[in-house]
C-alpha atoms as a PDB file:
ATOM      1  CA  ALA A   1      83.948  87.238  68.694  1.00  0.00           C
ATOM      2  CA  VAL A   2      84.857  88.805  72.032  1.00  0.00           C
ATOM      3  CA  ARG A   3      87.288  91.733  72.237  1.00  0.00           C
ATOM      4  CA  VAL A   4      88.686  92.131  75.699  1.00  0.00           C
ATOM      5  CA  VAL A   5      89.433  95.695  76.568  1.00  0.00           C
ATOM      6  CA  HIS A   6      89.875  95.368  80.563  1.00  0.00           C
ATOM      7  CA  THR A   7      91.064  92.708  82.594  1.00  0.00           C
ATOM      8  CA  TYR A   8      91.233  92.036  86.251  1.00  0.00           C
ATOM      9  CA  LYS A   9      94.740  93.377  87.652  1.00  0.00           C
ATOM     10  CA  ASP A  10      95.947  95.196  84.421  1.00  0.00           C
ATOM     11  CA  TRP A  11      97.263  98.487  84.106  1.00  0.00           C
ATOM     12  CA  LEU A  12      93.786 100.375  84.185  1.00  0.00           C
ATOM     13  CA  TRP A  13      92.802  98.193  87.491  1.00  0.00           C
ATOM     14  CA  GLU A  14      96.003  99.223  88.829  1.00  0.00           C
ATOM     15  CA  ALA A  15      95.436 102.908  88.186  1.00  0.00           C
ATOM     16  CA  GLY A  16      91.650 102.967  89.488  1.00  0.00           C
ATOM     17  CA  SER A  17      90.345 101.988  92.900  1.00  0.00           C
ATOM     18  CA  LYS A  18      91.539  98.236  92.694  1.00  0.00           C
ATOM     19  CA  ASP A  19      88.155  97.015  93.952  1.00  0.00           C
ATOM     20  CA  GLU A  20      87.482  93.149  93.571  1.00  0.00           C
ATOM     21  CA  PRO A  21      85.188  91.964  90.580  1.00  0.00           C
ATOM     22  CA  PRO A  22      81.758  91.682  92.002  1.00  0.00           C
ATOM     23  CA  GLU A  23      80.457  88.112  92.644  1.00  0.00           C
ATOM     24  CA  ILE A  24      77.805  86.276  90.787  1.00  0.00           C
ATOM     25  CA  PRO A  25      74.467  86.029  93.366  1.00  0.00           C
ATOM     26  CA  VAL A  26      73.228  82.409  93.382  1.00  0.00           C
ATOM     27  CA  ASP A  27      69.614  83.649  93.081  1.00  0.00           C
ATOM     28  CA  SER A  28      70.358  84.947  89.387  1.00  0.00           C
ATOM     29  CA  VAL A  29      71.378  81.799  88.310  1.00  0.00           C
ATOM     30  CA  GLU A  30      68.149  80.400  89.827  1.00  0.00           C
ATOM     31  CA  GLU A  31      66.118  83.166  88.145  1.00  0.00           C
ATOM     32  CA  ALA A  32      67.818  82.128  84.735  1.00  0.00           C
ATOM     33  CA  ARG A  33      66.984  78.360  85.372  1.00  0.00           C
ATOM     34  CA  VAL A  34      63.421  79.287  85.855  1.00  0.00           C
ATOM     35  CA  ALA A  35      62.884  81.534  83.057  1.00  0.00           C
ATOM     36  CA  ASP A  36      64.485  78.932  80.724  1.00  0.00           C
ATOM     37  CA  VAL A  37      62.114  76.092  82.277  1.00  0.00           C
ATOM     38  CA  GLU A  38      59.204  78.745  81.335  1.00  0.00           C
ATOM     39  CA  LYS A  39      60.596  79.070  77.874  1.00  0.00           C
ATOM     40  CA  SER A  40      60.838  75.341  77.314  1.00  0.00           C
ATOM     41  CA  ALA A  41      57.084  75.325  78.382  1.00  0.00           C
ATOM     42  CA  ASP A  42      55.969  77.562  75.756  1.00  0.00           C
ATOM     43  CA  GLY A  43      57.850  74.718  73.165  1.00  0.00           C
ATOM     44  CA  GLU A  44      61.164  76.859  72.615  1.00  0.00           C
ATOM     45  CA  ASP A  45      64.304  75.054  72.540  1.00  0.00           C
ATOM     46  CA  THR A  46      66.203  75.689  75.356  1.00  0.00           C
ATOM     47  CA  THR A  47      68.992  72.775  75.531  1.00  0.00           C
ATOM     48  CA  ASP A  48      72.112  75.217  75.215  1.00  0.00           C
ATOM     49  CA  ALA A  49      70.697  77.528  77.719  1.00  0.00           C
ATOM     50  CA  VAL A  50      70.193  74.666  80.125  1.00  0.00           C
ATOM     51  CA  ASP A  51      73.688  73.733  79.451  1.00  0.00           C
ATOM     52  CA  THR A  52      74.936  76.858  79.981  1.00  0.00           C
ATOM     53  CA  THR A  53      73.262  77.338  83.280  1.00  0.00           C
ATOM     54  CA  ASP A  54      74.540  73.957  84.582  1.00  0.00           C
ATOM     55  CA  ALA A  55      78.040  75.099  83.643  1.00  0.00           C
ATOM     56  CA  VAL A  56      77.440  78.135  85.668  1.00  0.00           C
ATOM     57  CA  ASP A  57      76.480  76.002  88.633  1.00  0.00           C
ATOM     58  CA  THR A  58      79.519  74.252  88.213  1.00  0.00           C
ATOM     59  CA  ALA A  59      81.780  77.025  88.086  1.00  0.00           C
ATOM     60  CA  MET A  60      80.190  78.876  91.193  1.00  0.00           C
ATOM     61  CA  GLU A  61      80.484  75.666  93.191  1.00  0.00           C
ATOM     62  CA  ASN A  62      84.474  75.385  92.210  1.00  0.00           C
ATOM     63  CA  LEU A  63      84.570  79.107  92.847  1.00  0.00           C
ATOM     64  CA  SER A  64      82.907  78.649  96.412  1.00  0.00           C
ATOM     65  CA  VAL A  65      85.379  76.069  97.242  1.00  0.00           C
ATOM     66  CA  GLN A  66      88.242  78.111  96.292  1.00  0.00           C
ATOM     67  CA  ASP A  67      87.323  81.275  97.654  1.00  0.00           C
ATOM     68  CA  ALA A  68      86.074  79.860 101.159  1.00  0.00           C
ATOM     69  CA  ALA A  69      89.578  80.357 102.892  1.00  0.00           C
ATOM     70  CA  ALA A  70      89.786  84.115 101.234  1.00  0.00           C
ATOM     71  CA  GLU A  71      86.237  84.734 102.594  1.00  0.00           C
ATOM     72  CA  SER A  72      87.184  83.746 105.931  1.00  0.00           C
ATOM     73  CA  GLU A  73      90.276  85.645 105.874  1.00  0.00           C
ATOM     74  CA  THR A  74      88.448  88.947 104.875  1.00  0.00           C
ATOM     75  CA  ALA A  75      85.595  88.622 107.008  1.00  0.00           C
ATOM     76  CA  ALA A  76      87.364  89.984 109.927  1.00  0.00           C
ATOM     77  CA  THR A  77      88.342  93.322 108.317  1.00  0.00           C
ATOM     78  CA  THR A  78      84.497  93.674 106.789  1.00  0.00           C
ATOM     79  CA  HIS A  79      82.994  93.465 110.276  1.00  0.00           C
ATOM     80  CA  VAL A  80      85.530  95.351 112.435  1.00  0.00           C
ATOM     81  CA  THR A  81      84.846  97.211 115.408  1.00  0.00           C
ATOM     82  CA  PRO A  82      85.860 100.916 115.875  1.00  0.00           C
ATOM     83  CA  ALA A  83      88.547  99.768 118.333  1.00  0.00           C
ATOM     84  CA  GLU A  84      89.793  97.031 115.875  1.00  0.00           C
ATOM     85  CA  MET A  85      89.949  99.814 113.117  1.00  0.00           C
ATOM     86  CA  ASP A  86      91.817 102.083 115.646  1.00  0.00           C
ATOM     87  CA  ALA A  87      94.613  99.303 116.006  1.00  0.00           C
ATOM     88  CA  LEU A  88      94.706  98.983 112.347  1.00  0.00           C
ATOM     89  CA  LEU A  89      95.363 102.547 111.754  1.00  0.00           C
ATOM     90  CA  MET A  90      97.872 102.588 114.386  1.00  0.00           C
ATOM     91  CA  THR A  91      99.596  99.562 113.027  1.00  0.00           C
ATOM     92  CA  SER A  92      99.663 100.915 109.490  1.00  0.00           C
ATOM     93  CA  LEU A  93     101.290 104.368 110.540  1.00  0.00           C
ATOM     94  CA  LYS A  94     103.943 102.556 112.355  1.00  0.00           C
ATOM     95  CA  GLN A  95     104.583 100.193 109.436  1.00  0.00           C
ATOM     96  CA  VAL A  96     105.149 103.279 107.134  1.00  0.00           C
ATOM     97  CA  MET A  97     107.261 104.879 109.667  1.00  0.00           C
ATOM     98  CA  ALA A  98     109.427 101.814 109.917  1.00  0.00           C
ATOM     99  CA  THR A  99     109.730 100.693 106.291  1.00  0.00           C
ATOM    100  CA  VAL A 100     108.898 103.405 104.013  1.00  0.00           C
ATOM    101  CA  LEU A 101     108.926 106.896 105.598  1.00  0.00           C
ATOM    102  CA  ASP A 102     112.009 105.826 107.460  1.00  0.00           C
ATOM    103  CA  GLU A 103     114.494 108.419 109.159  1.00  0.00           C
ATOM    104  CA  LYS A 104     117.011 107.521 106.217  1.00  0.00           C
ATOM    105  CA  HIS A 105     114.837 108.076 103.133  1.00  0.00           C
ATOM    106  CA  THR A 106     112.442 110.615 104.190  1.00  0.00           C
ATOM    107  CA  GLY A 107     114.597 113.747 103.823  1.00  0.00           C
ATOM    108  CA  GLU A 108     112.868 116.441 101.606  1.00  0.00           C
ATOM    109  CA  GLN A 109     109.372 114.546 101.588  1.00  0.00           C
ATOM    110  CA  LEU A 110     108.602 116.456 104.732  1.00  0.00           C
ATOM    111  CA  PRO A 111     106.146 118.226 105.082  1.00  0.00           C
ATOM    112  CA  ILE A 112     103.705 115.621 103.586  1.00  0.00           C
ATOM    113  CA  ALA A 113      99.906 116.212 102.998  1.00  0.00           C
ATOM    114  CA  ALA A 114      97.653 114.360 105.229  1.00  0.00           C
ATOM    115  CA  SER A 115      95.655 112.595 102.600  1.00  0.00           C
ATOM    116  CA  THR A 116      98.868 111.811 100.811  1.00  0.00           C
ATOM    117  CA  LEU A 117     100.100 110.179 103.749  1.00  0.00           C
ATOM    118  CA  PHE A 118      96.890 108.007 104.183  1.00  0.00           C
ATOM    119  CA  SER A 119      96.556 107.158 100.353  1.00  0.00           C
ATOM    120  CA  THR A 120      99.879 106.866  99.051  1.00  0.00           C
ATOM    121  CA  TYR A 121     101.471 105.157 102.149  1.00  0.00           C
ATOM    122  CA  MET A 122      99.107 103.867 104.897  1.00  0.00           C
ATOM    123  CA  LEU A 123      96.650 102.265 102.656  1.00  0.00           C
ATOM    124  CA  PRO A 124      99.402 100.090 100.582  1.00  0.00           C
ATOM    125  CA  ASN A 125     100.944  99.177 103.720  1.00  0.00           C
ATOM    126  CA  ALA A 126      97.816  98.236 105.706  1.00  0.00           C
ATOM    127  CA  PRO A 127      98.069  94.401 107.479  1.00  0.00           C
ATOM    128  CA  ARG A 128      97.462  91.702 104.941  1.00  0.00           C
ATOM    129  CA  ASN A 129      93.488  91.364 104.034  1.00  0.00           C
ATOM    130  CA  ALA A 130      92.861  94.472 105.854  1.00  0.00           C
ATOM    131  CA  GLU A 131      91.181  97.219 104.623  1.00  0.00           C
ATOM    132  CA  LEU A 132      91.628 100.658 106.289  1.00  0.00           C
ATOM    133  CA  ASP A 133      88.306 102.843 106.602  1.00  0.00           C
ATOM    134  CA  VAL A 134      88.604 105.930 108.967  1.00  0.00           C
ATOM    135  CA  LYS A 135      84.909 106.213 109.066  1.00  0.00           C
ATOM    136  CA  LYS A 136      84.682 102.676 110.770  1.00  0.00           C
ATOM    137  CA  SER A 137      87.118 103.932 113.409  1.00  0.00           C
ATOM    138  CA  SER A 138      86.225 105.829 116.727  1.00  0.00           C
ATOM    139  CA  TYR A 139      87.990 108.836 115.000  1.00  0.00           C
ATOM    140  CA  LYS A 140      85.602 109.029 111.927  1.00  0.00           C
ATOM    141  CA  LYS A 141      87.843 111.559 110.373  1.00  0.00           C
ATOM    142  CA  LEU A 142      91.460 111.148 109.212  1.00  0.00           C
ATOM    143  CA  ALA A 143      92.418 114.714 110.833  1.00  0.00           C
ATOM    144  CA  LYS A 144      91.083 113.510 114.205  1.00  0.00           C
ATOM    145  CA  PHE A 145      93.209 110.398 113.755  1.00  0.00           C
ATOM    146  CA  LEU A 146      96.429 112.362 113.220  1.00  0.00           C
ATOM    147  CA  LYS A 147      95.833 114.795 116.122  1.00  0.00           C
ATOM    148  CA  ALA A 148      95.544 111.863 118.296  1.00  0.00           C
ATOM    149  CA  MET A 149      98.822 110.232 116.870  1.00  0.00           C
ATOM    150  CA  GLU A 150     100.496 113.801 117.330  1.00  0.00           C
ATOM    151  CA  LYS A 151      99.204 113.879 120.977  1.00  0.00           C
ATOM    152  CA  HIS A 152     100.582 110.055 121.210  1.00  0.00           C
ATOM    153  CA  GLY A 153     103.983 111.511 120.043  1.00  0.00           C
ATOM    154  CA  LEU A 154     104.307 109.777 117.087  1.00  0.00           C
ATOM    155  CA  LEU A 155     104.195 112.776 114.626  1.00  0.00           C
ATOM    156  CA  GLY A 156     103.920 116.707 114.290  1.00  0.00           C
ATOM    157  CA  LEU A 157     101.402 118.457 112.513  1.00  0.00           C
ATOM    158  CA  LYS A 158     101.175 121.846 110.877  1.00  0.00           C
ATOM    159  CA  ASP A 159      98.687 123.907 108.395  1.00  0.00           C
ATOM    160  CA  ILE A 160      99.967 124.918 105.313  1.00  0.00           C
ATOM    161  CA  ARG A 161      97.343 126.957 103.438  1.00  0.00           C
ATOM    162  CA  GLY A 162      94.309 125.275 105.164  1.00  0.00           C
ATOM    163  CA  GLU A 163      95.461 121.752 104.461  1.00  0.00           C
ATOM    164  CA  MET A 164      96.682 119.577 107.158  1.00  0.00           C
ATOM    165  CA  HIS A 165     100.625 118.467 106.849  1.00  0.00           C
ATOM    166  CA  ILE A 166     102.624 116.049 108.617  1.00  0.00           C
ATOM    167  CA  LYS A 167     105.736 118.194 109.464  1.00  0.00           C
ATOM    168  CA  SER A 168     107.878 115.775 111.553  1.00  0.00           C
ATOM    169  CA  LEU A 169     108.320 112.190 112.287  1.00  0.00           C
ATOM    170  CA  ASN A 170     109.400 110.619 115.681  1.00  0.00           C
ATOM    171  CA  TRP A 171     111.309 107.742 114.938  1.00  0.00           C
ATOM    172  CA  THR A 172     112.550 107.582 118.635  1.00  0.00           C
ATOM    173  CA  HIS A 173     109.210 106.757 119.863  1.00  0.00           C
ATOM    174  CA  ALA A 174     108.860 103.905 122.098  1.00  0.00           C
ATOM    175  CA  ASP A 175     106.395 102.221 120.074  1.00  0.00           C
ATOM    176  CA  LEU A 176     108.501 102.212 117.010  1.00  0.00           C
ATOM    177  CA  ARG A 177     111.631 100.767 119.025  1.00  0.00           C
ATOM    178  CA  THR A 178     109.529  97.570 120.021  1.00  0.00           C
ATOM    179  CA  TYR A 179     107.646  97.485 116.671  1.00  0.00           C
ATOM    180  CA  THR A 180     108.327  94.632 114.185  1.00  0.00           C
ATOM    181  CA  PRO A 181     107.550  95.398 110.559  1.00  0.00           C
ATOM    182  CA  TYR A 182     105.633  92.898 108.689  1.00  0.00           C
ATOM    183  CA  SER A 183     106.258  91.843 104.924  1.00  0.00           C
ATOM    184  CA  VAL A 184     104.403  93.868 101.996  1.00  0.00           C
ATOM    185  CA  LYS A 185     103.991  93.132  98.608  1.00  0.00           C
ATOM    186  CA  HIS A 186     104.518  96.574  97.343  1.00  0.00           C
ATOM    187  CA  VAL A 187     106.574  98.817  99.488  1.00  0.00           C
ATOM    188  CA  VAL A 188     107.407 102.093  97.886  1.00  0.00           C
ATOM    189  CA  LYS A 189     110.287 103.975  99.344  1.00  0.00           C
ATOM    190  CA  ALA A 190     110.070 107.923  99.886  1.00  0.00           C
ATOM    191  CA  GLU A 191     112.386 108.803  97.223  1.00  0.00           C
ATOM    192  CA  GLN A 192     110.323 106.672  94.595  1.00  0.00           C
ATOM    193  CA  ALA A 193     106.834 108.235  95.776  1.00  0.00           C
ATOM    194  CA  PRO A 194     106.614 111.039  93.153  1.00  0.00           C
ATOM    195  CA  VAL A 195     107.082 108.482  90.362  1.00  0.00           C
ATOM    196  CA  VAL A 196     105.097 105.503  91.549  1.00  0.00           C
ATOM    197  CA  GLU A 197     102.317 106.271  88.923  1.00  0.00           C
ATOM    198  CA  LYS A 198     105.081 106.393  86.160  1.00  0.00           C
ATOM    199  CA  THR A 199     106.980 103.194  86.837  1.00  0.00           C
ATOM    200  CA  GLN A 200     103.706 101.400  86.708  1.00  0.00           C
ATOM    201  CA  LYS A 201     103.296 102.706  83.071  1.00  0.00           C
ATOM    202  CA  GLY A 202     106.101 100.493  81.875  1.00  0.00           C
ATOM    203  CA  ASN A 203     107.753 101.747  78.779  1.00  0.00           C
ATOM    204  CA  MET A 204     105.876 104.939  78.172  1.00  0.00           C
ATOM    205  CA  ILE A 205     107.352 108.023  77.088  1.00  0.00           C
ATOM    206  CA  GLU A 206     106.992 110.573  80.314  1.00  0.00           C
ATOM    207  CA  LEU A 207     106.866 114.377  80.423  1.00  0.00           C
ATOM    208  CA  GLU A 208     107.168 116.119  83.560  1.00  0.00           C
ATOM    209  CA  GLU A 209     107.057 119.816  84.369  1.00  0.00           C
ATOM    210  CA  LEU A 210     110.140 121.438  85.977  1.00  0.00           C
ATOM    211  CA  LEU A 211     111.187 125.108  87.256  1.00  0.00           C
ATOM    212  CA  ARG A 212     114.402 126.673  87.042  1.00  0.00           C
ATOM    213  CA  VAL A 213     115.382 129.603  89.343  1.00  0.00           C
ATOM    214  CA  PRO A 214     115.768 132.989  87.073  1.00  0.00           C
ATOM    215  CA  PRO A 215     118.950 135.122  88.105  1.00  0.00           C
ATOM    216  CA  ALA A 216     116.733 137.753  90.014  1.00  0.00           C
ATOM    217  CA  LEU A 217     115.689 135.272  92.508  1.00  0.00           C
ATOM    218  CA  ARG A 218     119.124 133.468  92.798  1.00  0.00           C
ATOM    219  CA  PRO A 219     119.974 135.473  95.923  1.00  0.00           C
ATOM    220  CA  LEU A 220     116.871 134.422  97.691  1.00  0.00           C
ATOM    221  CA  PHE A 221     117.152 130.850  96.955  1.00  0.00           C
ATOM    222  CA  ASP A 222     121.118 131.154  97.823  1.00  0.00           C
ATOM    223  CA  ASP A 223     120.107 132.488 101.232  1.00  0.00           C
ATOM    224  CA  VAL A 224     118.502 129.318 102.390  1.00  0.00           C
ATOM    225  CA  ASN A 225     120.389 126.806 100.323  1.00  0.00           C
ATOM    226  CA  GLY A 226     117.288 126.437  97.926  1.00  0.00           C
ATOM    227  CA  ASN A 227     119.268 126.006  94.489  1.00  0.00           C
ATOM    228  CA  PRO A 228     119.059 122.411  93.714  1.00  0.00           C
ATOM    229  CA  GLU A 229     122.361 120.588  92.087  1.00  0.00           C
ATOM    230  CA  SER A 230     120.457 119.677  89.131  1.00  0.00           C
ATOM    231  CA  GLY A 231     119.352 123.340  88.558  1.00  0.00           C
ATOM    232  CA  TYR A 232     115.672 122.123  88.310  1.00  0.00           C
ATOM    233  CA  MET A 233     112.813 121.731  90.950  1.00  0.00           C
ATOM    234  CA  THR A 234     109.132 120.987  91.202  1.00  0.00           C
ATOM    235  CA  ARG A 235     106.541 123.605  91.917  1.00  0.00           C
ATOM    236  CA  GLN A 236     106.065 122.039  95.523  1.00  0.00           C
ATOM    237  CA  GLN A 237     109.805 122.496  96.146  1.00  0.00           C
ATOM    238  CA  ALA A 238     109.772 126.243  94.798  1.00  0.00           C
ATOM    239  CA  ARG A 239     106.831 126.915  97.350  1.00  0.00           C
ATOM    240  CA  TYR A 240     109.002 125.096 100.380  1.00  0.00           C
ATOM    241  CA  VAL A 241     112.006 127.419  99.573  1.00  0.00           C
ATOM    242  CA  LEU A 242     109.814 130.738  99.873  1.00  0.00           C
ATOM    243  CA  GLU A 243     108.247 129.517 103.051  1.00  0.00           C
ATOM    244  CA  ALA A 244     111.842 128.649 104.258  1.00  0.00           C
ATOM    245  CA  TYR A 245     113.233 132.029 103.734  1.00  0.00           C
ATOM    246  CA  ILE A 246     110.072 133.876 105.250  1.00  0.00           C
ATOM    247  CA  LYS A 247     110.426 131.752 108.417  1.00  0.00           C
ATOM    248  CA  ARG A 248     114.246 132.273 108.680  1.00  0.00           C
ATOM    249  CA  HIS A 249     113.890 136.228 108.674  1.00  0.00           C
ATOM    250  CA  ASN A 250     110.566 136.132 110.301  1.00  0.00           C
ATOM    251  CA  LEU A 251     108.693 138.089 107.577  1.00  0.00           C
ATOM    252  CA  VAL A 252     105.315 137.094 108.921  1.00  0.00           C
ATOM    253  CA  ASP A 253     103.093 140.014 109.831  1.00  0.00           C
ATOM    254  CA  THR A 254     102.245 139.601 113.510  1.00  0.00           C
ATOM    255  CA  ARG A 255      98.921 141.168 113.090  1.00  0.00           C
ATOM    256  CA  ASN A 256      97.800 139.386 109.963  1.00  0.00           C
ATOM    257  CA  PRO A 257      99.810 135.864 109.431  1.00  0.00           C
ATOM    258  CA  ARG A 258      98.321 136.045 105.623  1.00  0.00           C
ATOM    259  CA  ASN A 259     100.570 139.112 104.810  1.00  0.00           C
ATOM    260  CA  ILE A 260     104.293 138.901 104.456  1.00  0.00           C
ATOM    261  CA  ARG A 261     106.706 141.897 104.973  1.00  0.00           C
ATOM    262  CA  VAL A 262     108.603 142.231 102.038  1.00  0.00           C
ATOM    263  CA  ASP A 263     112.365 142.811 102.279  1.00  0.00           C
ATOM    264  CA  HIS A 264     114.996 143.766  99.689  1.00  0.00           C
ATOM    265  CA  LEU A 265     115.836 140.313  98.278  1.00  0.00           C
ATOM    266  CA  VAL A 266     111.652 139.821  98.036  1.00  0.00           C
ATOM    267  CA  CYS A 267     111.242 143.039  96.253  1.00  0.00           C
ATOM    268  CA  ASP A 268     114.103 142.414  93.860  1.00  0.00           C
ATOM    269  CA  GLY A 269     113.104 138.935  93.037  1.00  0.00           C
ATOM    270  CA  LEU A 270     109.189 139.193  93.037  1.00  0.00           C
ATOM    271  CA  LEU A 271     107.715 142.833  93.181  1.00  0.00           C
ATOM    272  CA  THR A 272     107.857 145.466  90.562  1.00  0.00           C
ATOM    273  CA  LYS A 273     109.350 149.030  91.174  1.00  0.00           C
ATOM    274  CA  ASP A 274     105.979 150.670  91.748  1.00  0.00           C
ATOM    275  CA  GLU A 275     105.299 147.818  94.369  1.00  0.00           C
ATOM    276  CA  THR A 276     108.592 148.190  96.111  1.00  0.00           C
ATOM    277  CA  ALA A 277     108.055 151.748  96.670  1.00  0.00           C
ATOM    278  CA  LYS A 278     104.472 151.709  97.968  1.00  0.00           C
ATOM    279  CA  LEU A 279     104.170 148.406  99.689  1.00  0.00           C
ATOM    280  CA  THR A 280     105.512 147.270 103.109  1.00  0.00           C
ATOM    281  CA  PHE A 281     103.606 143.974 103.370  1.00  0.00           C
ATOM    282  CA  TYR A 282     102.190 141.568 100.589  1.00  0.00           C
ATOM    283  CA  PRO A 283      99.636 138.655 100.675  1.00  0.00           C
ATOM    284  CA  ARG A 284     101.322 135.429 101.257  1.00  0.00           C
ATOM    285  CA  ASP A 285      99.174 133.350  98.636  1.00  0.00           C
ATOM    286  CA  LYS A 286      99.777 136.063  95.977  1.00  0.00           C
ATOM    287  CA  LEU A 287     103.633 135.992  96.727  1.00  0.00           C
ATOM    288  CA  GLN A 288     103.614 132.644  96.203  1.00  0.00           C
ATOM    289  CA  GLN A 289     101.854 132.739  92.818  1.00  0.00           C
ATOM    290  CA  ARG A 290     104.235 135.780  91.906  1.00  0.00           C
ATOM    291  CA  LEU A 291     107.005 132.965  92.450  1.00  0.00           C
ATOM    292  CA  GLN A 292     105.568 130.449  90.396  1.00  0.00           C
ATOM    293  CA  GLU A 293     104.969 132.990  87.514  1.00  0.00           C
ATOM    294  CA  ARG A 294     108.654 134.352  87.819  1.00  0.00           C
ATOM    295  CA  MET A 295     110.252 130.773  87.656  1.00  0.00           C
ATOM    296  CA  ILE A 296     111.313 129.777  84.240  1.00  0.00           C
ATOM    297  CA  LEU A 297     109.168 126.870  83.013  1.00  0.00           C
ATOM    298  CA  CYS A 298     110.935 123.579  81.898  1.00  0.00           C
ATOM    299  CA  THR A 299     109.980 120.109  80.377  1.00  0.00           C
ATOM    300  CA  ARG A 300     111.958 117.020  81.167  1.00  0.00           C
ATOM    301  CA  LEU A 301     111.439 114.228  78.458  1.00  0.00           C
ATOM    302  CA  THR A 302     112.227 110.640  79.429  1.00  0.00           C
ATOM    303  CA  VAL A 303     111.942 107.994  76.453  1.00  0.00           C
ATOM    304  CA  PRO A 304     112.918 104.409  77.873  1.00  0.00           C
ATOM    305  CA  GLY A 305     116.518 103.523  77.089  1.00  0.00           C
ATOM    306  CA  ASN A 306     117.744 107.151  76.641  1.00  0.00           C
ATOM    307  CA  PRO A 307     118.834 109.681  79.297  1.00  0.00           C
ATOM    308  CA  PRO A 308     116.274 112.485  80.251  1.00  0.00           C
ATOM    309  CA  VAL A 309     116.358 115.331  78.268  1.00  0.00           C
ATOM    310  CA  VAL A 310     115.199 118.898  79.597  1.00  0.00           C
ATOM    311  CA  ARG A 311     114.092 121.913  77.410  1.00  0.00           C
ATOM    312  CA  GLN A 312     112.944 125.323  78.367  1.00  0.00           C
ATOM    313  CA  GLY A 313     108.995 125.989  77.665  1.00  0.00           C
ATOM    314  CA  ARG A 314     106.153 123.830  77.748  1.00  0.00           C
ATOM    315  CA  PRO A 315     105.998 120.635  75.713  1.00  0.00           C
ATOM    316  CA  PRO A 316     104.353 121.126  72.198  1.00  0.00           C
ATOM    317  CA  THR A 317     100.830 120.336  71.734  1.00  0.00           C
ATOM    318  CA  ILE A 318     100.098 117.171  70.110  1.00  0.00           C
ATOM    319  CA  ASP A 319      96.815 116.464  68.187  1.00  0.00           C
ATOM    320  CA  ILE A 320      95.445 112.826  67.935  1.00  0.00           C
ATOM    321  CA  VAL A 321      93.480 112.229  65.096  1.00  0.00           C
END
């Protein structure tokens, strides 16, 4: 009996690298045939083995005929020149800007981490049968490619805690005005991006960590219109609110950008009384960490067929025996 635990293009395949299954080398079939002949010379019964080998030969012949067209289509992207890979990267970026991260749907998605732009948006929206590989381009690194695109005027970049982010996209660029999008099987809209993995899970129960603004921090959030209508936000959204407040009130220390000048709202919401009396500046990373600690942790439970339910606190621990 055979127990199938994993199949091609199932959920496990979708969650992984989505590699194609390996091909069976013809040399392996020949080695099997030689081994069967040697066994028959020793007097062993190899009728079943020979029949199996013949079946494999037939299957390989059929497979080679069926896959001939596919191999010819992918050959172009297997042996691409750096200039061709440069063009593929540029095309994928324009495709994403024209169809996925378009001006109507991007909204609060910006800024987006460079790695997220490439893995979540560019890779799935590459031209058909094309495999994007920055190392095969003339840029060699994703950061260098994005800096070239910034110089070209397609996007704007900024550094957030040592990681490159895309802060803006130029949808009015001449390249986009003349660009014609192609069809892609799986196009994910920007507002759906955070739940792509969840929608692939089908009818599974989902737990999501959310944050709620405590009373002491509401004045700070209200100052930059950072209180969401639902009353809940993600950790990343909370970080963006604090960064927006710092930028609006010019709280960055000019001598050391890693430090933030603390004003009365920051002191009231994030610092202790002793810190308020002694400190004028506070490290930026520790201030963000303090914000995460002061926010009220909640959990949203989504059961298929029922409206989501939000409860304060962490989800209960479940032991699987």
